[in-house]
N, C-alpha and C. Protein backbone atom coordinates (compact mmCIF):
# COMPACT_ATOMS: atom_id res chain seq x y z
N MET A 1 -13.53 71.76 34.42
CA MET A 1 -12.83 72.96 33.71
C MET A 1 -12.85 72.52 32.27
N GLN A 2 -13.00 73.72 31.57
CA GLN A 2 -12.45 73.65 30.15
C GLN A 2 -11.59 74.06 30.00
N TYR A 3 -10.94 73.48 29.07
CA TYR A 3 -9.63 74.32 27.67
C TYR A 3 -9.47 74.10 26.18
N PRO A 4 -9.11 74.99 26.34
CA PRO A 4 -8.57 75.03 24.40
C PRO A 4 -8.05 74.53 24.08
N VAL A 5 -8.69 74.08 22.82
CA VAL A 5 -7.91 73.24 21.95
C VAL A 5 -7.90 73.63 21.00
N THR A 6 -6.83 72.66 20.14
CA THR A 6 -6.96 73.52 18.43
C THR A 6 -6.38 72.44 17.79
N LEU A 7 -7.24 72.14 16.30
CA LEU A 7 -7.27 70.90 15.71
C LEU A 7 -6.70 71.51 14.23
N LYS A 8 -6.12 70.02 14.12
CA LYS A 8 -5.40 70.55 12.18
C LYS A 8 -6.29 69.64 11.58
N VAL A 9 -7.71 69.98 10.62
CA VAL A 9 -8.38 68.50 9.98
C VAL A 9 -7.23 68.90 8.41
N MET A 10 -6.85 67.18 8.47
CA MET A 10 -6.23 66.68 7.28
C MET A 10 -6.89 66.80 6.16
N GLU A 11 -7.49 67.48 5.45
CA GLU A 11 -7.91 67.66 4.29
C GLU A 11 -7.32 68.06 3.39
N GLN A 12 -7.94 68.17 2.09
CA GLN A 12 -6.60 68.21 0.86
C GLN A 12 -5.94 69.66 1.28
N ARG A 13 -6.91 70.54 1.71
CA ARG A 13 -6.23 71.73 2.04
C ARG A 13 -6.50 71.64 3.72
N PRO A 14 -5.12 71.28 4.72
CA PRO A 14 -5.50 71.18 6.00
C PRO A 14 -5.77 72.88 6.70
N ARG A 15 -6.73 72.66 7.30
CA ARG A 15 -7.38 74.06 8.60
C ARG A 15 -7.39 73.89 9.87
N GLU A 16 -7.04 74.85 10.22
CA GLU A 16 -6.53 74.90 11.66
C GLU A 16 -8.32 75.13 11.83
N ILE A 17 -8.48 74.70 13.24
CA ILE A 17 -9.66 75.44 14.48
C ILE A 17 -10.04 75.08 15.32
N SER A 18 -10.49 76.25 16.13
CA SER A 18 -10.03 75.76 18.20
C SER A 18 -11.39 75.79 18.62
N GLY A 19 -11.45 75.47 19.36
CA GLY A 19 -12.60 74.97 20.66
C GLY A 19 -12.07 75.08 21.64
N THR A 20 -13.49 74.54 22.47
CA THR A 20 -12.89 74.23 24.43
C THR A 20 -13.35 72.88 24.52
N THR A 21 -12.42 72.27 25.20
CA THR A 21 -13.09 70.72 25.72
C THR A 21 -14.31 71.06 26.90
N GLU A 22 -15.19 69.58 26.35
CA GLU A 22 -16.08 69.59 27.22
C GLU A 22 -15.71 68.32 27.92
N ASN A 23 -15.01 66.83 27.46
CA ASN A 23 -14.83 66.37 27.96
C ASN A 23 -13.26 65.79 27.88
N VAL A 24 -12.56 65.05 28.63
CA VAL A 24 -11.15 64.65 27.78
C VAL A 24 -10.83 63.18 28.68
N SER A 25 -10.74 62.50 28.10
CA SER A 25 -10.20 60.94 28.54
C SER A 25 -8.99 60.51 27.63
N GLU A 26 -8.27 59.81 28.06
CA GLU A 26 -7.06 59.43 27.77
C GLU A 26 -6.78 58.82 25.93
N LEU A 27 -7.93 58.48 25.52
CA LEU A 27 -7.95 58.40 24.60
C LEU A 27 -8.89 58.71 23.49
N GLY A 28 -9.65 59.95 23.69
CA GLY A 28 -10.59 60.66 23.49
C GLY A 28 -10.57 62.11 23.86
N ILE A 29 -11.54 62.63 22.89
CA ILE A 29 -11.73 64.07 23.36
C ILE A 29 -13.07 64.54 23.11
N LEU A 30 -13.95 65.04 23.85
CA LEU A 30 -15.39 66.14 23.14
C LEU A 30 -15.28 67.18 22.86
N LEU A 31 -15.35 68.07 22.33
CA LEU A 31 -14.84 69.80 22.50
C LEU A 31 -15.86 69.94 21.62
N VAL A 32 -16.05 71.67 21.57
CA VAL A 32 -17.15 72.27 20.84
C VAL A 32 -16.56 73.59 20.42
N SER A 33 -16.99 73.35 19.37
CA SER A 33 -16.28 74.59 17.97
C SER A 33 -17.52 75.14 17.32
N ASP A 34 -17.33 76.06 16.81
CA ASP A 34 -18.18 76.99 16.14
C ASP A 34 -18.10 76.17 14.46
N ALA A 35 -17.05 75.70 13.80
CA ALA A 35 -16.43 75.20 12.97
C ALA A 35 -16.69 74.01 13.03
N GLU A 36 -17.77 73.20 11.74
CA GLU A 36 -18.22 72.33 10.78
C GLU A 36 -16.60 71.13 10.29
N VAL A 37 -16.56 70.51 11.17
CA VAL A 37 -15.77 69.02 10.76
C VAL A 37 -16.98 67.86 10.63
N PRO A 38 -16.18 67.21 9.47
CA PRO A 38 -16.96 65.95 8.74
C PRO A 38 -16.80 65.21 9.92
N PRO A 39 -17.62 64.21 10.02
CA PRO A 39 -17.01 62.80 10.54
C PRO A 39 -16.31 61.72 9.59
N THR A 40 -15.21 61.28 10.16
CA THR A 40 -14.36 60.48 9.67
C THR A 40 -12.87 61.04 9.22
N SER A 41 -13.18 62.88 9.70
CA SER A 41 -12.17 63.24 9.08
C SER A 41 -10.95 62.73 10.29
N ARG A 42 -10.33 63.23 9.69
CA ARG A 42 -8.65 63.03 10.44
C ARG A 42 -8.08 64.56 10.86
N VAL A 43 -7.34 64.54 12.10
CA VAL A 43 -6.76 65.51 12.59
C VAL A 43 -5.92 65.28 13.83
N GLU A 44 -5.00 66.53 13.92
CA GLU A 44 -4.29 66.44 15.04
C GLU A 44 -4.76 67.34 15.32
N LEU A 45 -4.29 66.79 16.75
CA LEU A 45 -5.11 67.75 18.24
C LEU A 45 -3.64 68.45 19.00
N ALA A 46 -3.44 69.51 19.72
CA ALA A 46 -3.07 70.57 20.88
C ALA A 46 -4.11 71.09 21.70
N LEU A 47 -3.75 70.34 22.62
CA LEU A 47 -4.67 70.76 24.17
C LEU A 47 -3.81 71.32 25.05
N THR A 48 -4.35 72.57 25.45
CA THR A 48 -3.15 73.44 26.04
C THR A 48 -4.09 73.14 28.10
N LEU A 49 -3.41 72.93 28.50
CA LEU A 49 -3.92 72.90 30.38
C LEU A 49 -3.24 73.92 31.53
N GLN A 50 -4.05 74.31 31.78
CA GLN A 50 -3.29 75.34 32.19
C GLN A 50 -4.28 75.77 33.88
N HIS A 51 -3.95 76.29 35.13
CA HIS A 51 -4.39 76.46 36.24
C HIS A 51 -4.19 77.15 36.83
N GLU A 52 -4.53 78.37 37.13
CA GLU A 52 -4.47 79.19 38.31
C GLU A 52 -3.25 79.25 38.06
N SER A 53 -1.91 79.20 39.00
CA SER A 53 -1.04 79.39 38.98
C SER A 53 -0.13 78.12 38.91
N MET A 54 -0.20 77.20 37.81
CA MET A 54 0.82 76.11 37.49
C MET A 54 0.93 76.68 36.37
N PRO A 55 1.88 76.37 35.77
CA PRO A 55 2.26 76.46 34.54
C PRO A 55 1.93 75.68 33.30
N ALA A 56 1.47 76.17 32.15
CA ALA A 56 1.01 75.82 31.04
C ALA A 56 1.58 74.33 30.61
N VAL A 57 0.63 73.58 30.28
CA VAL A 57 1.29 71.83 29.67
C VAL A 57 0.32 71.85 28.60
N ARG A 58 1.43 71.85 27.32
CA ARG A 58 0.75 70.92 25.96
C ARG A 58 1.03 69.93 25.71
N LEU A 59 -0.39 69.61 25.26
CA LEU A 59 -0.43 67.87 24.87
C LEU A 59 -0.86 68.08 23.75
N LEU A 60 -0.40 66.59 22.79
CA LEU A 60 -0.43 66.39 21.07
C LEU A 60 -0.86 65.38 21.14
N SER A 61 -1.54 64.89 20.45
CA SER A 61 -2.15 63.91 19.67
C SER A 61 -3.02 63.91 18.24
N SER A 62 -3.63 62.50 17.85
CA SER A 62 -4.03 62.75 16.03
C SER A 62 -4.99 61.24 16.84
N GLY A 63 -6.19 61.97 15.81
CA GLY A 63 -7.06 60.68 15.90
C GLY A 63 -8.16 61.06 14.65
N THR A 64 -9.33 60.55 14.63
CA THR A 64 -10.23 60.84 13.76
C THR A 64 -11.83 61.11 14.83
N VAL A 65 -12.21 61.90 13.64
CA VAL A 65 -13.93 62.86 14.56
C VAL A 65 -14.94 61.63 13.91
N PHE A 66 -15.88 61.13 14.96
CA PHE A 66 -16.76 59.95 15.16
C PHE A 66 -18.15 60.69 15.20
N ARG A 67 -18.02 61.63 15.79
CA ARG A 67 -19.41 62.06 15.67
C ARG A 67 -19.78 63.80 16.05
N VAL A 68 -20.42 64.04 15.15
CA VAL A 68 -20.35 65.65 15.38
C VAL A 68 -21.81 65.48 15.53
N GLU A 69 -22.43 66.52 16.73
CA GLU A 69 -23.43 66.82 17.06
C GLU A 69 -24.06 68.48 17.00
N PRO A 70 -25.53 69.18 17.23
CA PRO A 70 -25.61 70.26 16.61
C PRO A 70 -25.69 70.62 18.21
N ARG A 71 -25.50 71.91 18.25
CA ARG A 71 -25.42 72.42 20.25
C ARG A 71 -26.07 73.77 19.56
N PRO A 72 -26.66 74.99 21.46
CA PRO A 72 -26.86 75.77 20.74
C PRO A 72 -25.94 76.85 20.47
N GLY A 73 -26.36 77.94 19.88
CA GLY A 73 -25.62 79.39 19.62
C GLY A 73 -25.06 78.83 18.28
N ASN A 74 -25.50 77.79 17.48
CA ASN A 74 -24.68 77.57 16.20
C ASN A 74 -23.32 76.84 16.20
N LYS A 75 -23.00 76.43 17.57
CA LYS A 75 -21.94 75.44 17.98
C LYS A 75 -22.24 73.91 17.52
N LYS A 76 -20.85 73.24 17.37
CA LYS A 76 -21.05 72.05 16.86
C LYS A 76 -20.51 70.99 18.25
N ALA A 77 -20.70 70.24 18.67
CA ALA A 77 -19.74 69.47 19.87
C ALA A 77 -19.03 68.13 18.74
N ILE A 78 -17.57 67.87 19.40
CA ILE A 78 -16.99 67.49 17.86
C ILE A 78 -16.25 66.61 18.58
N ALA A 79 -16.73 64.64 18.42
CA ALA A 79 -15.89 63.89 19.71
C ALA A 79 -15.30 63.22 18.61
N ILE A 80 -13.41 62.67 19.48
CA ILE A 80 -12.92 62.89 18.41
C ILE A 80 -12.36 61.02 19.18
N GLY A 81 -12.02 60.20 18.31
CA GLY A 81 -11.02 59.19 19.38
C GLY A 81 -9.66 59.26 18.85
N CYS A 82 -8.58 59.15 19.47
CA CYS A 82 -7.37 59.10 19.62
C CYS A 82 -6.75 58.07 19.26
N ASP A 83 -5.41 58.49 18.12
CA ASP A 83 -4.87 57.10 17.68
C ASP A 83 -4.12 56.76 19.19
N GLN A 84 -3.78 57.45 20.26
CA GLN A 84 -2.76 57.03 20.86
C GLN A 84 -3.25 58.27 22.30
N ALA A 85 -2.24 57.89 23.15
CA ALA A 85 -2.79 58.75 24.43
C ALA A 85 -2.37 60.12 23.71
N PHE A 86 -2.58 61.38 24.55
CA PHE A 86 -2.11 62.66 24.49
C PHE A 86 -0.72 62.52 25.31
N GLN A 87 0.09 63.13 24.75
CA GLN A 87 1.31 63.30 24.75
C GLN A 87 1.78 65.04 25.13
N PRO A 88 3.17 64.87 26.24
CA PRO A 88 3.05 66.28 26.44
C PRO A 88 4.38 67.09 25.75
N VAL A 89 4.57 68.26 25.04
CA VAL A 89 5.47 68.43 24.31
C VAL A 89 6.74 68.86 25.37
């Protein structure tokens, strides 16, 4: 399943981008986005899990971008290693 995710990219001027998960594990995430995020960027992540009749669960973490790959349609696959496991809010 794919879930929406929001990243706050911690640059000189922090910015927020959105994307969709492709793969999620306890300490990492691969997401697809239109935005460009340089490798080694520090990010804060907010992941929203929702499935049919279940209430939405929002999870937070932070980490570092360690790989960015081009995808069709001018999109980017962004791999992030998390500092700690996702925590529910």
